[in-house]
Amino acid sequence: MDKLKLVAFDQDDLAVVSAHVQDAVLKVGDLAFLPKEQRFAAVINRFVWEKPAEGTFRKNWERRRAGFHFDRVTAVRSTGIDRHNAEAVLDLLAISFEETEAPAGTVTLIFAGGGAIALDVECIEASISDLGPAWATKACPQHELDAAKA
């Protein structure tokens, strides 16, 4: 399968990117804010949701190393993340956007365990690209259903 490359310029595009990075794992040290470039970047191990598992009895899924970044970032805030522990592992659940003054707003990276990173952006301008080959994993992320939604 070809490597994934996506860009996002609006909320609909960002929802597609969010779906492709759901359950990505990364280390705190793989996050970077480059204020002079107005860029926030990360390297992640994303779960390949777009490819079905292979095998019948013991299913094998895939992960891929990918880079993603947001441009036109004016400020970054975090909560529930120890930024001094570069080896801490984060599980990315979703990316959301809340508009403030169109087209500006806040992009929020939402992590398992209550952590979040908020990016103040002039507009949505994001990109994700796979960096290398996939590798097999036998573990598929599982999510409990919210009792209110069931």
Protein backbone atom coordinates (compact mmCIF):
# COMPACT_ATOMS: atom_id res chain seq x y z
CA MET A 1 0.00 0.00 0.00
CA ASP A 2 1.27 3.48 -0.78
CA LYS A 3 2.32 5.82 1.97
CA LEU A 4 -0.34 8.14 3.32
CA LYS A 5 -0.04 11.87 2.60
CA LEU A 6 -2.83 14.23 3.63
CA VAL A 7 -3.28 17.98 4.02
CA ALA A 8 -5.97 19.85 5.90
CA PHE A 9 -7.21 23.38 5.24
CA ASP A 10 -10.64 23.27 6.92
CA GLN A 11 -12.56 21.41 9.63
CA ASP A 12 -13.71 18.65 7.27
CA ASP A 13 -10.13 18.00 6.16
CA LEU A 14 -8.98 18.03 9.79
CA ALA A 15 -11.59 15.38 10.67
CA VAL A 16 -10.04 13.08 8.03
CA VAL A 17 -6.55 13.67 9.46
CA SER A 18 -7.89 13.03 12.97
CA ALA A 19 -9.33 9.68 11.88
CA HIS A 20 -5.95 8.62 10.47
CA VAL A 21 -4.00 9.55 13.62
CA GLN A 22 -6.50 8.06 16.09
CA ASP A 23 -4.62 5.78 18.48
CA ALA A 24 -1.20 6.95 17.34
CA VAL A 25 1.46 6.62 20.02
CA LEU A 26 4.36 8.99 20.49
CA LYS A 27 6.84 10.18 23.06
CA VAL A 28 6.73 13.66 24.58
CA GLY A 29 10.23 14.18 23.15
CA ASP A 30 8.80 13.69 19.63
CA LEU A 31 6.76 16.91 19.93
CA ALA A 32 8.21 20.29 18.94
CA PHE A 33 7.00 23.89 18.70
CA LEU A 34 9.10 26.05 16.39
CA PRO A 35 7.86 29.59 17.13
CA LYS A 36 9.99 31.36 14.49
CA GLU A 37 8.51 29.09 11.81
CA GLN A 38 5.05 29.18 13.46
CA ARG A 39 5.06 25.38 13.26
CA PHE A 40 4.11 22.60 15.66
CA ALA A 41 5.41 19.19 14.60
CA ALA A 42 5.39 15.61 15.85
CA VAL A 43 6.59 12.18 14.82
CA ILE A 44 4.11 9.43 15.62
CA ASN A 45 3.57 5.69 15.28
CA ARG A 46 0.11 5.70 13.76
CA PHE A 47 -2.25 2.74 13.67
CA VAL A 48 -3.16 1.95 10.05
CA TRP A 49 -6.95 2.06 10.32
CA GLU A 50 -7.43 2.26 6.56
CA LYS A 51 -6.06 -1.25 5.95
CA PRO A 52 -7.99 -4.31 7.15
CA ALA A 53 -6.24 -6.85 9.35
CA GLU A 54 -4.66 -9.86 7.67
CA GLY A 55 -5.18 -13.42 8.83
CA THR A 56 -8.16 -15.25 10.21
CA PHE A 57 -7.21 -16.76 13.56
CA ARG A 58 -4.40 -14.45 14.69
CA LYS A 59 -5.09 -11.11 13.10
CA ASN A 60 -2.21 -8.81 12.23
CA TRP A 61 -2.68 -5.07 11.95
CA GLU A 62 -0.10 -2.46 11.03
CA ARG A 63 1.52 0.67 12.36
CA ARG A 64 3.56 3.23 10.43
CA ARG A 65 5.95 5.98 11.44
CA ALA A 66 4.53 9.31 10.29
CA GLY A 67 5.26 12.97 10.68
CA PHE A 68 2.62 15.61 11.02
CA HIS A 69 2.69 19.34 11.48
CA PHE A 70 0.52 22.40 11.86
CA ASP A 71 1.58 25.71 10.34
CA ARG A 72 0.53 29.27 11.28
CA VAL A 73 0.69 28.36 14.97
CA THR A 74 0.93 31.43 17.21
CA ALA A 75 0.86 29.77 20.66
CA VAL A 76 0.93 26.32 22.28
CA ARG A 77 -0.49 25.27 25.66
CA SER A 78 -0.68 21.85 27.28
CA THR A 79 -2.43 20.25 30.19
CA GLY A 80 -1.97 16.82 31.78
CA ILE A 81 1.36 16.23 30.01
CA ASP A 82 4.76 16.21 31.76
CA ARG A 83 6.80 18.10 29.14
CA HIS A 84 9.99 17.42 31.13
CA ASN A 85 9.68 13.64 30.69
CA ALA A 86 10.77 13.17 27.05
CA GLU A 87 10.30 9.38 27.29
CA ALA A 88 6.67 9.52 28.46
CA VAL A 89 4.38 7.81 25.95
CA LEU A 90 1.19 9.52 24.78
CA ASP A 91 -1.80 7.93 23.03
CA LEU A 92 -3.43 10.40 20.61
CA LEU A 93 -7.20 9.96 20.51
CA ALA A 94 -8.40 12.81 18.30
CA ILE A 95 -7.78 16.27 16.89
CA SER A 96 -10.48 18.93 17.18
CA PHE A 97 -10.87 22.56 16.09
CA GLU A 98 -12.79 25.41 17.66
CA GLU A 99 -13.08 28.59 15.64
CA THR A 100 -12.54 31.92 17.39
CA GLU A 101 -12.35 34.65 14.74
CA ALA A 102 -12.68 33.03 11.32
CA PRO A 103 -10.49 31.53 10.03
CA ALA A 104 -8.47 31.54 13.29
CA GLY A 105 -9.11 29.19 16.17
CA THR A 106 -7.70 26.52 18.44
CA VAL A 107 -6.64 23.06 17.30
CA THR A 108 -6.64 20.61 20.22
CA LEU A 109 -4.74 17.32 20.29
CA ILE A 110 -6.61 15.08 22.74
CA PHE A 111 -4.69 12.28 24.47
CA ALA A 112 -5.77 9.28 26.55
CA GLY A 113 -5.66 9.95 30.28
CA GLY A 114 -6.88 13.54 29.98
CA GLY A 115 -3.83 15.18 28.42
CA ALA A 116 -4.26 17.81 25.73
CA ILE A 117 -2.25 20.23 23.65
CA ALA A 118 -3.95 23.39 22.37
CA LEU A 119 -2.55 25.16 19.33
CA ASP A 120 -3.70 28.70 18.59
CA VAL A 121 -3.70 28.98 14.79
CA GLU A 122 -4.30 31.76 12.28
CA CYS A 123 -6.11 29.15 10.16
CA ILE A 124 -6.10 25.38 9.68
CA GLU A 125 -3.02 24.35 7.76
CA ALA A 126 -1.89 20.82 8.58
CA SER A 127 -0.11 17.93 6.91
CA ILE A 128 0.60 14.27 7.68
CA SER A 129 2.97 11.99 5.77
CA ASP A 130 4.05 8.41 6.36
CA LEU A 131 7.83 8.23 6.70
CA GLY A 132 8.64 4.59 6.12
CA PRO A 133 7.42 1.04 5.80
CA ALA A 134 4.70 -0.46 7.95
CA TRP A 135 5.31 -3.09 10.61
CA ALA A 136 2.93 -5.72 11.94
CA THR A 137 1.25 -5.48 15.31
CA LYS A 138 -1.11 -8.00 16.88
CA ALA A 139 -2.68 -5.41 19.18
CA CYS A 140 -5.67 -3.46 17.90
CA PRO A 141 -6.73 -0.44 19.98
CA GLN A 142 -10.00 -0.97 21.81
CA HIS A 143 -12.38 1.72 23.07
CA GLU A 144 -15.14 1.26 25.60
CA LEU A 145 -18.56 2.48 24.53
CA ASP A 146 -19.86 5.43 26.48
CA ALA A 147 -22.86 4.11 28.47
CA ALA A 148 -24.87 7.22 27.53
CA LYS A 149 -24.35 6.52 23.82
CA ALA A 150 -25.05 2.76 23.98
